[in-house]
Amino acid sequence: MQVRDNPASSRYEITDGEGGAVIGFAAYQKAERLIVFTHTEIDPGWEGKGVGSRLVRAALDDVRRQGLPVLPTCPFVQSWMQRHPDYADLDYRAPRSTATD
């Protein structure tokens, strides 16, 4: 499986790795200072196989490289982030330290 950003469609896509068919996506809206994940969808034939988790992890890793915080309005992304505290720092709603801290 491979995850790629498709900016033209405003979504991260995961492909099956064989024929390159898209088997899921995480839709987003990118703003100047953050990225909002709005919806995640996995092909029913791939549900329950960890595809959604793999997709979200790769998408969040890419967002981290860009230095952007995330606002997870998608319930799947939000619950995934809650289960993975090592990604909590990406949450836009998390307290931020300031230069005076």
Protein backbone atom coordinates (compact mmCIF):
# COMPACT_ATOMS: atom_id res chain seq x y z
CA MET A 1 0.00 0.00 0.00
CA GLN A 2 1.09 3.53 -0.72
CA VAL A 3 -0.19 6.87 0.62
CA ARG A 4 0.08 10.04 -1.43
CA ASP A 5 -1.17 13.57 -1.15
CA ASN A 6 -3.50 14.55 -3.99
CA PRO A 7 -3.67 18.36 -3.59
CA ALA A 8 -5.90 18.76 -6.66
CA SER A 9 -8.58 16.74 -4.83
CA SER A 10 -7.65 18.02 -1.34
CA ARG A 11 -7.13 14.56 0.03
CA TYR A 12 -4.59 11.95 0.96
CA GLU A 13 -5.17 8.70 -0.90
CA ILE A 14 -4.10 5.16 -0.13
CA THR A 15 -3.67 2.73 -3.00
CA ASP A 16 -3.66 -1.05 -3.00
CA GLY A 17 -0.06 -1.19 -4.17
CA GLU A 18 -0.84 -3.67 -6.96
CA GLY A 19 -2.78 -1.86 -9.65
CA GLY A 20 -2.59 1.50 -7.94
CA ALA A 21 -6.34 1.57 -7.30
CA VAL A 22 -7.44 4.06 -4.64
CA ILE A 23 -8.89 2.10 -1.72
CA GLY A 24 -9.37 4.99 0.68
CA PHE A 25 -8.89 8.67 1.29
CA ALA A 26 -8.68 11.31 3.99
CA ALA A 27 -10.20 14.58 2.78
CA TYR A 28 -8.83 17.87 4.06
CA GLN A 29 -9.10 21.63 3.79
CA LYS A 30 -5.78 23.39 3.92
CA ALA A 31 -5.58 26.89 5.33
CA GLU A 32 -2.59 29.14 5.77
CA ARG A 33 -1.92 28.05 9.36
CA LEU A 34 -3.51 24.62 9.67
CA ILE A 35 -5.03 21.66 7.90
CA VAL A 36 -8.55 20.44 8.72
CA PHE A 37 -9.28 16.74 8.18
CA THR A 38 -12.98 16.56 7.33
CA HIS A 39 -13.72 13.00 6.23
CA THR A 40 -12.07 9.60 5.90
CA GLU A 41 -13.40 6.79 3.76
CA ILE A 42 -12.11 3.26 3.16
CA ASP A 43 -13.42 0.88 0.51
CA PRO A 44 -15.72 -1.63 2.28
CA GLY A 45 -13.63 -4.58 1.04
CA TRP A 46 -10.61 -3.16 2.91
CA GLU A 47 -12.31 -2.19 6.18
CA GLY A 48 -10.98 -3.81 9.34
CA LYS A 49 -7.53 -4.41 7.85
CA GLY A 50 -5.71 -1.39 9.26
CA VAL A 51 -5.95 0.61 6.06
CA GLY A 52 -7.51 3.64 7.74
CA SER A 53 -4.83 3.69 10.42
CA ARG A 54 -2.06 3.42 7.85
CA LEU A 55 -3.62 6.25 5.84
CA VAL A 56 -4.03 8.59 8.80
CA ARG A 57 -0.54 7.91 10.16
CA ALA A 58 1.08 8.67 6.79
CA ALA A 59 -1.05 11.79 6.28
CA LEU A 60 -0.23 13.13 9.74
CA ASP A 61 3.46 12.37 9.26
CA ASP A 62 3.38 14.43 6.06
CA VAL A 63 1.55 17.29 7.77
CA ARG A 64 4.13 17.21 10.56
CA ARG A 65 6.92 17.59 7.99
CA GLN A 66 5.09 20.68 6.70
CA GLY A 67 5.01 22.13 10.22
CA LEU A 68 1.23 22.54 10.26
CA PRO A 69 -1.17 21.79 13.12
CA VAL A 70 -4.26 19.67 12.48
CA LEU A 71 -7.90 20.26 13.30
CA PRO A 72 -9.49 16.78 13.17
CA THR A 73 -13.20 17.31 12.52
CA CYS A 74 -13.39 13.82 11.02
CA PRO A 75 -14.38 11.44 13.85
CA PHE A 76 -11.98 8.73 12.63
CA VAL A 77 -8.96 11.05 12.54
CA GLN A 78 -9.91 12.53 15.90
CA SER A 79 -10.25 9.14 17.61
CA TRP A 80 -7.04 7.89 15.96
CA MET A 81 -5.14 10.89 17.33
CA GLN A 82 -6.59 10.28 20.80
CA ARG A 83 -5.36 6.67 20.69
CA HIS A 84 -1.87 7.79 19.58
CA PRO A 85 -0.61 10.39 22.07
CA ASP A 86 2.62 10.81 20.10
CA TYR A 87 0.51 12.78 17.61
CA ALA A 88 -1.25 14.97 20.22
CA ASP A 89 1.16 17.83 19.55
CA LEU A 90 -0.31 18.16 16.05
CA ASP A 91 -3.81 18.94 17.37
CA TYR A 92 -4.58 22.59 16.68
CA ARG A 93 -6.57 22.74 19.93
CA ALA A 94 -3.59 21.62 22.02
CA PRO A 95 -1.95 24.26 24.20
CA ARG A 96 1.04 25.83 22.51
CA SER A 97 4.13 27.01 24.27
CA THR A 98 5.14 30.57 23.61
CA ALA A 99 8.52 32.22 23.43
CA THR A 100 8.03 33.51 26.98
CA ASP A 101 7.38 30.04 28.49
